[in-house]
Amino acid sequence: MADPKENDDFLDNLMDIEAELEDVVEFSDEELEIDALKAERDDLKDKFMRALADAENARKRSDRDRREAENYGGSKLARDMLPVYDNMKRALDALPDDADDKTSALIEGIQLTMRELLSVFKKHGIEVIEPEVGDRFDPQNHEAMFEAPVPGTKAGDIIQVMAEGFMLHDRLLRAAQVGVSSTPG
């Protein structure tokens, strides 16, 4: 028959093993909980970083939109003012060289108005593109209204300027209208 002391030792050992197993199970449950908390922390950190990046991108986008509105918001009004400039320029070009006392005040008024218009243009970032006869045609700033062979010129040379162009800051508001030389025949 088995010794009762051996049975007691066996039961004690079995209880010790059972207690150790419970510790291991508790430890692995704690480990799983810690791993789950770490995963949740990492997920929340990732969401936070994405939200922070989105907020920064929105700030930059709104700054860019504000600058563009500030610089280019008046482009429609500026385009509408270009015919006024063209008419003033035509009036100045049509003035006679020999002005008498009666017309000198009118001429001076037209010149002052033109200077004021150019001053307002400059104040708002509008620059005049004034190509000259003999300059090279630049499709970025010029619009070819016609092409004609002219002796003594190279293909692509400007042979006539019909209207000046305009830039609003770094954007083309209106291309200068020019005639361009084709290859002379």
N, C-alpha and C. Protein backbone atom coordinates (compact mmCIF):
# COMPACT_ATOMS: atom_id res chain seq x y z
N MET A 1 0.79 -1.16 0.00
CA MET A 1 0.00 0.00 0.00
C MET A 1 0.86 1.26 0.00
N ALA A 2 0.33 2.37 -0.49
CA ALA A 2 1.13 3.57 -0.63
C ALA A 2 1.24 4.28 0.71
N ASP A 3 2.36 4.86 0.85
CA ASP A 3 2.64 5.59 2.09
C ASP A 3 1.84 6.89 2.08
N PRO A 4 1.07 7.20 3.20
CA PRO A 4 0.29 8.43 3.22
C PRO A 4 1.16 9.66 3.13
N LYS A 5 2.40 9.56 3.65
CA LYS A 5 3.29 10.72 3.56
C LYS A 5 3.64 10.99 2.11
N GLU A 6 3.84 9.95 1.32
CA GLU A 6 4.15 10.12 -0.10
C GLU A 6 2.95 10.75 -0.80
N ASN A 7 1.76 10.36 -0.44
CA ASN A 7 0.56 10.94 -1.04
C ASN A 7 0.47 12.42 -0.70
N ASP A 8 0.78 12.74 0.55
CA ASP A 8 0.74 14.15 0.95
C ASP A 8 1.79 14.96 0.18
N ASP A 9 3.00 14.39 0.04
CA ASP A 9 4.05 15.08 -0.73
C ASP A 9 3.62 15.25 -2.19
N PHE A 10 3.02 14.20 -2.72
CA PHE A 10 2.56 14.25 -4.10
C PHE A 10 1.49 15.34 -4.25
N LEU A 11 0.55 15.38 -3.32
CA LEU A 11 -0.50 16.39 -3.37
C LEU A 11 0.09 17.80 -3.21
N ASP A 12 1.07 17.91 -2.30
CA ASP A 12 1.72 19.22 -2.13
C ASP A 12 2.41 19.65 -3.42
N ASN A 13 3.13 18.72 -4.05
CA ASN A 13 3.82 19.01 -5.31
C ASN A 13 2.80 19.39 -6.39
N LEU A 14 1.71 18.63 -6.41
CA LEU A 14 0.67 18.91 -7.40
C LEU A 14 0.07 20.29 -7.17
N MET A 15 -0.13 20.66 -5.93
CA MET A 15 -0.68 21.98 -5.61
C MET A 15 0.32 23.08 -5.95
N ASP A 16 1.63 22.81 -5.71
CA ASP A 16 2.65 23.79 -6.07
C ASP A 16 2.69 24.00 -7.59
N ILE A 17 2.59 22.91 -8.33
CA ILE A 17 2.60 22.99 -9.81
C ILE A 17 1.37 23.77 -10.29
N GLU A 18 0.24 23.46 -9.66
CA GLU A 18 -0.99 24.16 -10.02
C GLU A 18 -0.88 25.66 -9.75
N ALA A 19 -0.28 26.00 -8.62
CA ALA A 19 -0.09 27.42 -8.28
C ALA A 19 0.84 28.09 -9.27
N GLU A 20 1.92 27.39 -9.63
CA GLU A 20 2.87 27.93 -10.63
C GLU A 20 2.17 28.12 -11.97
N LEU A 21 1.31 27.16 -12.35
CA LEU A 21 0.58 27.29 -13.61
C LEU A 21 -0.36 28.50 -13.58
N GLU A 22 -0.99 28.71 -12.44
CA GLU A 22 -1.87 29.87 -12.30
C GLU A 22 -1.06 31.17 -12.44
N ASP A 23 0.16 31.19 -11.84
CA ASP A 23 1.03 32.37 -11.99
C ASP A 23 1.39 32.59 -13.45
N VAL A 24 1.71 31.50 -14.13
CA VAL A 24 2.08 31.61 -15.55
C VAL A 24 0.88 32.12 -16.35
N VAL A 25 -0.31 31.60 -16.09
CA VAL A 25 -1.51 32.03 -16.80
C VAL A 25 -1.78 33.49 -16.50
N GLU A 26 -1.66 33.88 -15.20
CA GLU A 26 -1.85 35.28 -14.83
C GLU A 26 -0.82 36.15 -15.54
N PHE A 27 0.44 35.69 -15.55
CA PHE A 27 1.52 36.44 -16.19
C PHE A 27 1.24 36.59 -17.69
N SER A 28 0.83 35.50 -18.34
CA SER A 28 0.57 35.59 -19.78
C SER A 28 -0.66 36.45 -20.04
N ASP A 29 -1.68 36.43 -19.15
CA ASP A 29 -2.83 37.33 -19.30
C ASP A 29 -2.39 38.78 -19.17
N GLU A 30 -1.50 39.05 -18.20
CA GLU A 30 -0.98 40.41 -18.03
C GLU A 30 -0.17 40.82 -19.25
N GLU A 31 0.62 39.89 -19.77
CA GLU A 31 1.42 40.17 -20.96
C GLU A 31 0.52 40.49 -22.15
N LEU A 32 -0.56 39.69 -22.31
CA LEU A 32 -1.50 39.94 -23.39
C LEU A 32 -2.17 41.30 -23.22
N GLU A 33 -2.53 41.65 -21.99
CA GLU A 33 -3.15 42.94 -21.73
C GLU A 33 -2.17 44.08 -22.02
N ILE A 34 -0.91 43.89 -21.62
CA ILE A 34 0.11 44.91 -21.90
C ILE A 34 0.32 45.05 -23.40
N ASP A 35 0.38 43.91 -24.11
CA ASP A 35 0.54 43.96 -25.56
C ASP A 35 -0.65 44.67 -26.22
N ALA A 36 -1.86 44.39 -25.73
CA ALA A 36 -3.05 45.05 -26.28
C ALA A 36 -3.00 46.55 -26.00
N LEU A 37 -2.57 46.94 -24.80
CA LEU A 37 -2.46 48.36 -24.47
C LEU A 37 -1.39 49.05 -25.32
N LYS A 38 -0.27 48.34 -25.55
CA LYS A 38 0.79 48.91 -26.40
C LYS A 38 0.28 49.10 -27.84
N ALA A 39 -0.46 48.11 -28.33
CA ALA A 39 -1.01 48.22 -29.69
C ALA A 39 -1.99 49.38 -29.78
N GLU A 40 -2.83 49.53 -28.76
CA GLU A 40 -3.79 50.64 -28.74
C GLU A 40 -3.06 51.97 -28.66
N ARG A 41 -2.00 52.04 -27.83
CA ARG A 41 -1.20 53.26 -27.72
C ARG A 41 -0.57 53.62 -29.06
N ASP A 42 0.01 52.62 -29.74
CA ASP A 42 0.64 52.87 -31.03
C ASP A 42 -0.39 53.33 -32.06
N ASP A 43 -1.58 52.72 -32.03
CA ASP A 43 -2.64 53.12 -32.96
C ASP A 43 -3.07 54.56 -32.69
N LEU A 44 -3.25 54.92 -31.41
CA LEU A 44 -3.63 56.29 -31.07
C LEU A 44 -2.53 57.28 -31.42
N LYS A 45 -1.28 56.88 -31.22
CA LYS A 45 -0.15 57.75 -31.58
C LYS A 45 -0.13 57.99 -33.09
N ASP A 46 -0.38 56.92 -33.87
CA ASP A 46 -0.42 57.04 -35.32
C ASP A 46 -1.55 57.98 -35.75
N LYS A 47 -2.74 57.81 -35.14
CA LYS A 47 -3.87 58.69 -35.47
C LYS A 47 -3.56 60.14 -35.10
N PHE A 48 -2.92 60.33 -33.96
CA PHE A 48 -2.55 61.69 -33.52
C PHE A 48 -1.58 62.33 -34.51
N MET A 49 -0.56 61.56 -34.93
CA MET A 49 0.43 62.10 -35.86
C MET A 49 -0.22 62.43 -37.20
N ARG A 50 -1.15 61.58 -37.65
CA ARG A 50 -1.86 61.87 -38.91
C ARG A 50 -2.72 63.13 -38.77
N ALA A 51 -3.41 63.24 -37.65
CA ALA A 51 -4.25 64.43 -37.42
C ALA A 51 -3.38 65.69 -37.36
N LEU A 52 -2.22 65.58 -36.73
CA LEU A 52 -1.30 66.71 -36.65
C LEU A 52 -0.80 67.10 -38.05
N ALA A 53 -0.47 66.09 -38.87
CA ALA A 53 -0.01 66.36 -40.24
C ALA A 53 -1.14 66.98 -41.06
N ASP A 54 -2.36 66.47 -40.89
CA ASP A 54 -3.51 67.04 -41.61
C ASP A 54 -3.74 68.49 -41.21
N ALA A 55 -3.62 68.78 -39.93
CA ALA A 55 -3.80 70.16 -39.46
C ALA A 55 -2.72 71.07 -40.04
N GLU A 56 -1.48 70.59 -40.09
CA GLU A 56 -0.38 71.38 -40.65
C GLU A 56 -0.60 71.62 -42.15
N ASN A 57 -1.04 70.57 -42.86
CA ASN A 57 -1.32 70.72 -44.29
C ASN A 57 -2.46 71.70 -44.52
N ALA A 58 -3.49 71.64 -43.69
CA ALA A 58 -4.62 72.58 -43.82
C ALA A 58 -4.15 74.01 -43.56
N ARG A 59 -3.27 74.20 -42.58
CA ARG A 59 -2.75 75.53 -42.29
C ARG A 59 -1.96 76.07 -43.49
N LYS A 60 -1.09 75.21 -44.05
CA LYS A 60 -0.29 75.63 -45.20
C LYS A 60 -1.18 75.95 -46.40
N ARG A 61 -2.20 75.10 -46.62
CA ARG A 61 -3.11 75.31 -47.73
C ARG A 61 -3.88 76.62 -47.56
N SER A 62 -4.34 76.90 -46.34
CA SER A 62 -5.07 78.14 -46.12
C SER A 62 -4.15 79.36 -46.26
N ASP A 63 -2.89 79.24 -45.84
CA ASP A 63 -1.93 80.34 -46.04
C ASP A 63 -1.73 80.59 -47.53
N ARG A 64 -1.55 79.50 -48.30
CA ARG A 64 -1.35 79.63 -49.74
C ARG A 64 -2.59 80.25 -50.40
N ASP A 65 -3.78 79.78 -50.00
CA ASP A 65 -5.02 80.32 -50.56
C ASP A 65 -5.18 81.80 -50.21
N ARG A 66 -4.81 82.18 -48.99
CA ARG A 66 -4.90 83.58 -48.58
C ARG A 66 -3.96 84.44 -49.41
N ARG A 67 -2.70 83.95 -49.59
CA ARG A 67 -1.73 84.71 -50.41
C ARG A 67 -2.22 84.85 -51.85
N GLU A 68 -2.76 83.75 -52.41
CA GLU A 68 -3.26 83.82 -53.79
C GLU A 68 -4.44 84.78 -53.90
N ALA A 69 -5.34 84.74 -52.92
CA ALA A 69 -6.47 85.66 -52.95
C ALA A 69 -5.99 87.10 -52.84
N GLU A 70 -4.97 87.31 -52.02
CA GLU A 70 -4.42 88.65 -51.85
C GLU A 70 -3.75 89.13 -53.13
N ASN A 71 -2.97 88.24 -53.77
CA ASN A 71 -2.22 88.63 -54.97
C ASN A 71 -3.07 88.62 -56.24
N TYR A 72 -3.96 87.64 -56.37
CA TYR A 72 -4.65 87.45 -57.65
C TYR A 72 -6.16 87.64 -57.56
N GLY A 73 -6.66 88.02 -56.40
CA GLY A 73 -8.10 88.20 -56.23
C GLY A 73 -8.67 89.30 -57.12
N GLY A 74 -7.89 90.29 -57.43
CA GLY A 74 -8.34 91.41 -58.26
C GLY A 74 -8.03 91.24 -59.73
N SER A 75 -7.70 90.03 -60.15
CA SER A 75 -7.29 89.84 -61.55
C SER A 75 -8.42 90.14 -62.52
N LYS A 76 -9.66 89.87 -62.15
CA LYS A 76 -10.77 90.18 -63.05
C LYS A 76 -10.90 91.70 -63.22
N LEU A 77 -10.81 92.44 -62.13
CA LEU A 77 -10.86 93.90 -62.22
C LEU A 77 -9.66 94.41 -63.02
N ALA A 78 -8.50 93.83 -62.79
CA ALA A 78 -7.30 94.25 -63.53
C ALA A 78 -7.49 94.04 -65.02
N ARG A 79 -8.05 92.87 -65.42
CA ARG A 79 -8.30 92.62 -66.84
C ARG A 79 -9.28 93.64 -67.41
N ASP A 80 -10.27 94.00 -66.61
CA ASP A 80 -11.26 94.98 -67.06
C ASP A 80 -10.66 96.38 -67.21
N MET A 81 -9.55 96.65 -66.52
CA MET A 81 -8.90 97.96 -66.60
C MET A 81 -7.94 98.07 -67.79
N LEU A 82 -7.57 96.93 -68.38
CA LEU A 82 -6.60 96.97 -69.48
C LEU A 82 -7.11 97.75 -70.69
N PRO A 83 -8.37 97.65 -71.08
CA PRO A 83 -8.85 98.50 -72.19
C PRO A 83 -8.77 99.99 -71.87
N VAL A 84 -8.91 100.35 -70.59
CA VAL A 84 -8.75 101.75 -70.20
C VAL A 84 -7.31 102.19 -70.50
N TYR A 85 -6.36 101.36 -70.13
CA TYR A 85 -4.95 101.65 -70.43
C TYR A 85 -4.75 101.79 -71.94
N ASP A 86 -5.30 100.82 -72.70
CA ASP A 86 -5.13 100.85 -74.16
C ASP A 86 -5.69 102.14 -74.75
N ASN A 87 -6.85 102.56 -74.29
CA ASN A 87 -7.46 103.79 -74.81
C ASN A 87 -6.65 105.02 -74.42
N MET A 88 -6.15 105.06 -73.19
CA MET A 88 -5.31 106.19 -72.77
C MET A 88 -4.03 106.23 -73.61
N LYS A 89 -3.46 105.06 -73.88
CA LYS A 89 -2.23 105.00 -74.69
C LYS A 89 -2.52 105.49 -76.11
N ARG A 90 -3.64 105.06 -76.67
CA ARG A 90 -4.00 105.53 -78.02
C ARG A 90 -4.22 107.05 -78.03
N ALA A 91 -4.83 107.57 -76.98
CA ALA A 91 -5.05 109.02 -76.89
C ALA A 91 -3.71 109.75 -76.84
N LEU A 92 -2.76 109.22 -76.05
CA LEU A 92 -1.44 109.87 -75.96
C LEU A 92 -0.68 109.77 -77.27
N ASP A 93 -0.81 108.62 -77.97
CA ASP A 93 -0.12 108.44 -79.25
C ASP A 93 -0.72 109.35 -80.34
N ALA A 94 -1.99 109.69 -80.20
CA ALA A 94 -2.66 110.50 -81.22
C ALA A 94 -2.49 112.00 -81.00
N LEU A 95 -1.88 112.39 -79.89
CA LEU A 95 -1.73 113.83 -79.60
C LEU A 95 -0.79 114.47 -80.61
N PRO A 96 -1.14 115.67 -81.04
CA PRO A 96 -0.24 116.38 -81.97
C PRO A 96 0.99 116.88 -81.23
N ASP A 97 2.07 117.00 -81.98
CA ASP A 97 3.33 117.48 -81.39
C ASP A 97 3.27 118.98 -81.10
N ASP A 98 2.55 119.71 -81.90
CA ASP A 98 2.49 121.17 -81.73
C ASP A 98 1.19 121.55 -81.01
N ALA A 99 1.21 121.43 -79.71
CA ALA A 99 0.02 121.75 -78.90
C ALA A 99 0.00 123.23 -78.59
N ASP A 100 -1.18 123.82 -78.68
CA ASP A 100 -1.31 125.23 -78.30
C ASP A 100 -1.79 125.33 -76.85
N ASP A 101 -1.99 126.54 -76.39
CA ASP A 101 -2.37 126.75 -74.99
C ASP A 101 -3.72 126.11 -74.66
N LYS A 102 -4.63 126.06 -75.64
CA LYS A 102 -5.95 125.50 -75.40
C LYS A 102 -5.88 123.99 -75.14
N THR A 103 -5.04 123.31 -75.84
CA THR A 103 -4.98 121.84 -75.71
C THR A 103 -3.91 121.37 -74.73
N SER A 104 -3.01 122.25 -74.33
CA SER A 104 -1.92 121.79 -73.45
C SER A 104 -2.45 121.31 -72.10
N ALA A 105 -3.49 121.95 -71.58
CA ALA A 105 -4.07 121.51 -70.30
C ALA A 105 -4.72 120.13 -70.46
N LEU A 106 -5.40 119.91 -71.59
CA LEU A 106 -6.01 118.61 -71.86
C LEU A 106 -4.94 117.53 -71.98
N ILE A 107 -3.89 117.84 -72.71
CA ILE A 107 -2.79 116.88 -72.88
C ILE A 107 -2.16 116.56 -71.54
N GLU A 108 -1.92 117.58 -70.73
CA GLU A 108 -1.33 117.37 -69.41
C GLU A 108 -2.25 116.50 -68.54
N GLY A 109 -3.55 116.72 -68.64
CA GLY A 109 -4.51 115.92 -67.87
C GLY A 109 -4.49 114.45 -68.28
N ILE A 110 -4.41 114.20 -69.57
CA ILE A 110 -4.34 112.81 -70.07
C ILE A 110 -3.04 112.15 -69.60
N GLN A 111 -1.93 112.90 -69.67
CA GLN A 111 -0.65 112.34 -69.22
C GLN A 111 -0.67 112.05 -67.72
N LEU A 112 -1.24 112.94 -66.93
CA LEU A 112 -1.33 112.72 -65.49
C LEU A 112 -2.21 111.50 -65.17
N THR A 113 -3.31 111.38 -65.91
CA THR A 113 -4.21 110.24 -65.70
C THR A 113 -3.49 108.93 -66.04
N MET A 114 -2.71 108.94 -67.11
CA MET A 114 -1.95 107.74 -67.50
C MET A 114 -0.91 107.39 -66.43
N ARG A 115 -0.21 108.40 -65.92
CA ARG A 115 0.79 108.15 -64.86
C ARG A 115 0.11 107.57 -63.61
N GLU A 116 -1.05 108.11 -63.27
CA GLU A 116 -1.79 107.62 -62.10
C GLU A 116 -2.24 106.17 -62.31
N LEU A 117 -2.71 105.87 -63.51
CA LEU A 117 -3.13 104.50 -63.82
C LEU A 117 -1.95 103.54 -63.71
N LEU A 118 -0.80 103.93 -64.23
CA LEU A 118 0.40 103.08 -64.12
C LEU A 118 0.86 102.95 -62.68
N SER A 119 0.69 103.99 -61.89
CA SER A 119 1.05 103.95 -60.48
C SER A 119 0.15 102.96 -59.72
N VAL A 120 -1.13 102.98 -60.02
CA VAL A 120 -2.08 102.03 -59.40
C VAL A 120 -1.74 100.60 -59.84
N PHE A 121 -1.43 100.43 -61.12
CA PHE A 121 -1.03 99.10 -61.61
C PHE A 121 0.18 98.60 -60.82
N LYS A 122 1.19 99.44 -60.69
CA LYS A 122 2.42 99.04 -59.99
C LYS A 122 2.12 98.70 -58.52
N LYS A 123 1.28 99.51 -57.89
CA LYS A 123 0.92 99.30 -56.49
C LYS A 123 0.30 97.92 -56.28
N HIS A 124 -0.44 97.45 -57.27
CA HIS A 124 -1.14 96.17 -57.16
C HIS A 124 -0.42 95.04 -57.89
N GLY A 125 0.82 95.24 -58.26
CA GLY A 125 1.64 94.16 -58.83
C GLY A 125 1.43 93.91 -60.31
N ILE A 126 0.86 94.88 -61.02
CA ILE A 126 0.65 94.73 -62.46
C ILE A 126 1.81 95.39 -63.19
N GLU A 127 2.52 94.61 -63.97
CA GLU A 127 3.66 95.12 -64.74
C GLU A 127 3.33 95.07 -66.23
N VAL A 128 3.75 96.09 -66.94
CA VAL A 128 3.51 96.16 -68.39
C VAL A 128 4.61 95.38 -69.11
N ILE A 129 4.20 94.55 -70.07
CA ILE A 129 5.15 93.84 -70.95
C ILE A 129 5.23 94.67 -72.22
N GLU A 130 6.38 95.31 -72.45
CA GLU A 130 6.53 96.20 -73.60
C GLU A 130 7.59 95.63 -74.56
N PRO A 131 7.18 94.73 -75.45
CA PRO A 131 8.16 94.23 -76.42
C PRO A 131 8.51 95.32 -77.43
N GLU A 132 9.68 95.20 -77.99
CA GLU A 132 10.13 96.17 -78.99
C GLU A 132 10.30 95.46 -80.32
N VAL A 133 10.19 96.23 -81.40
CA VAL A 133 10.44 95.67 -82.73
C VAL A 133 11.88 95.18 -82.76
N GLY A 134 12.07 93.95 -83.23
CA GLY A 134 13.40 93.34 -83.28
C GLY A 134 13.64 92.34 -82.15
N ASP A 135 12.83 92.40 -81.07
CA ASP A 135 12.96 91.40 -80.00
C ASP A 135 12.53 90.03 -80.53
N ARG A 136 12.95 88.99 -79.82
CA ARG A 136 12.54 87.63 -80.18
C ARG A 136 11.14 87.36 -79.64
N PHE A 137 10.36 86.64 -80.43
CA PHE A 137 9.02 86.25 -80.02
C PHE A 137 9.12 85.23 -78.87
N ASP A 138 8.39 85.49 -77.80
CA ASP A 138 8.36 84.59 -76.64
C ASP A 138 6.92 84.14 -76.44
N PRO A 139 6.61 82.88 -76.75
CA PRO A 139 5.22 82.42 -76.64
C PRO A 139 4.68 82.47 -75.21
N GLN A 140 5.56 82.59 -74.22
CA GLN A 140 5.10 82.69 -72.83
C GLN A 140 4.51 84.07 -72.53
N ASN A 141 4.99 85.10 -73.25
CA ASN A 141 4.56 86.48 -72.98
C ASN A 141 3.94 87.19 -74.17
N HIS A 142 4.05 86.60 -75.36
CA HIS A 142 3.57 87.26 -76.57
C HIS A 142 2.52 86.40 -77.27
N GLU A 143 1.60 87.08 -77.94
CA GLU A 143 0.62 86.41 -78.78
C GLU A 143 0.84 86.89 -80.21
N ALA A 144 1.13 85.95 -81.13
CA ALA A 144 1.37 86.31 -82.53
C ALA A 144 0.03 86.56 -83.21
N MET A 145 -0.17 87.78 -83.66
CA MET A 145 -1.42 88.15 -84.33
C MET A 145 -1.33 87.88 -85.83
N PHE A 146 -0.12 87.94 -86.36
CA PHE A 146 0.09 87.62 -87.77
C PHE A 146 1.56 87.27 -87.96
N GLU A 147 1.85 86.68 -89.11
CA GLU A 147 3.22 86.32 -89.46
C GLU A 147 3.44 86.78 -90.89
N ALA A 148 4.56 87.45 -91.15
CA ALA A 148 4.85 87.96 -92.49
C ALA A 148 6.35 87.91 -92.74
N PRO A 149 6.74 87.59 -93.97
CA PRO A 149 8.18 87.61 -94.30
C PRO A 149 8.64 89.06 -94.48
N VAL A 150 9.64 89.46 -93.72
CA VAL A 150 10.17 90.81 -93.81
C VAL A 150 11.67 90.70 -94.07
N PRO A 151 12.14 91.28 -95.19
CA PRO A 151 13.58 91.21 -95.46
C PRO A 151 14.39 91.88 -94.35
N GLY A 152 15.55 91.32 -94.06
CA GLY A 152 16.43 91.88 -93.05
C GLY A 152 16.09 91.43 -91.63
N THR A 153 15.17 90.50 -91.49
CA THR A 153 14.83 89.97 -90.16
C THR A 153 15.00 88.46 -90.16
N LYS A 154 15.07 87.92 -88.96
CA LYS A 154 15.13 86.46 -88.81
C LYS A 154 13.75 85.96 -88.44
N ALA A 155 13.48 84.71 -88.73
CA ALA A 155 12.20 84.12 -88.35
C ALA A 155 12.07 84.19 -86.83
N GLY A 156 10.92 84.64 -86.36
CA GLY A 156 10.69 84.74 -84.92
C GLY A 156 10.97 86.11 -84.35
N ASP A 157 11.43 87.06 -85.17
CA ASP A 157 11.63 88.43 -84.70
C ASP A 157 10.28 89.16 -84.68
N ILE A 158 10.11 90.03 -83.70
CA ILE A 158 8.90 90.84 -83.64
C ILE A 158 9.05 91.98 -84.64
N ILE A 159 8.04 92.13 -85.52
CA ILE A 159 8.10 93.17 -86.54
C ILE A 159 7.10 94.29 -86.27
N GLN A 160 6.11 94.04 -85.38
CA GLN A 160 5.14 95.07 -85.04
C GLN A 160 4.54 94.73 -83.67
N VAL A 161 4.28 95.79 -82.90
CA VAL A 161 3.62 95.62 -81.59
C VAL A 161 2.26 96.29 -81.68
N MET A 162 1.20 95.49 -81.52
CA MET A 162 -0.15 96.04 -81.57
C MET A 162 -0.64 96.47 -80.19
N ALA A 163 -0.32 95.68 -79.16
CA ALA A 163 -0.77 96.01 -77.80
C ALA A 163 0.22 95.43 -76.80
N GLU A 164 0.46 96.19 -75.74
CA GLU A 164 1.34 95.70 -74.68
C GLU A 164 0.64 94.58 -73.92
N GLY A 165 1.46 93.77 -73.26
CA GLY A 165 0.93 92.71 -72.40
C GLY A 165 1.07 93.13 -70.95
N PHE A 166 0.52 92.31 -70.07
CA PHE A 166 0.56 92.64 -68.64
C PHE A 166 0.76 91.37 -67.82
N MET A 167 1.55 91.50 -66.76
CA MET A 167 1.76 90.44 -65.78
C MET A 167 1.16 90.90 -64.46
N LEU A 168 0.49 90.00 -63.78
CA LEU A 168 0.00 90.25 -62.42
C LEU A 168 0.87 89.39 -61.52
N HIS A 169 1.80 90.03 -60.84
CA HIS A 169 2.84 89.35 -60.05
C HIS A 169 3.58 88.40 -60.98
N ASP A 170 3.42 87.10 -60.84
CA ASP A 170 4.16 86.18 -61.70
C ASP A 170 3.26 85.47 -62.70
N ARG A 171 2.02 85.94 -62.85
CA ARG A 171 1.07 85.33 -63.79
C ARG A 171 0.79 86.27 -64.95
N LEU A 172 0.64 85.68 -66.12
CA LEU A 172 0.32 86.46 -67.31
C LEU A 172 -1.15 86.90 -67.25
N LEU A 173 -1.36 88.19 -67.31
CA LEU A 173 -2.72 88.73 -67.30
C LEU A 173 -3.22 88.85 -68.73
N ARG A 174 -2.37 89.37 -69.60
CA ARG A 174 -2.67 89.45 -71.03
C ARG A 174 -1.35 89.43 -71.78
N ALA A 175 -1.30 88.59 -72.81
CA ALA A 175 -0.10 88.50 -73.63
C ALA A 175 0.01 89.76 -74.52
N ALA A 176 1.24 90.16 -74.77
CA ALA A 176 1.47 91.28 -75.71
C ALA A 176 1.11 90.79 -77.11
N GLN A 177 0.40 91.61 -77.85
CA GLN A 177 -0.03 91.24 -79.20
C GLN A 177 0.96 91.80 -80.20
N VAL A 178 1.59 90.87 -80.95
CA VAL A 178 2.67 91.25 -81.85
C VAL A 178 2.54 90.59 -83.20
N GLY A 179 3.21 91.20 -84.18
CA GLY A 179 3.39 90.59 -85.49
C GLY A 179 4.78 89.99 -85.52
N VAL A 180 4.91 88.83 -86.15
CA VAL A 180 6.18 88.09 -86.12
C VAL A 180 6.66 87.86 -87.54
N SER A 181 7.96 87.94 -87.71
CA SER A 181 8.58 87.69 -89.00
C SER A 181 8.65 86.19 -89.25
N SER A 182 8.26 85.81 -90.47
CA SER A 182 8.47 84.42 -90.89
C SER A 182 9.78 84.41 -91.68
N THR A 183 10.18 83.29 -92.14
CA THR A 183 11.40 83.20 -92.91
C THR A 183 11.25 84.03 -94.18
N PRO A 184 12.11 85.02 -94.39
CA PRO A 184 11.98 85.87 -95.58
C PRO A 184 12.09 85.03 -96.86
N GLY A 185 11.22 85.37 -97.84
CA GLY A 185 11.17 84.60 -99.08
C GLY A 185 12.08 85.14 -100.14
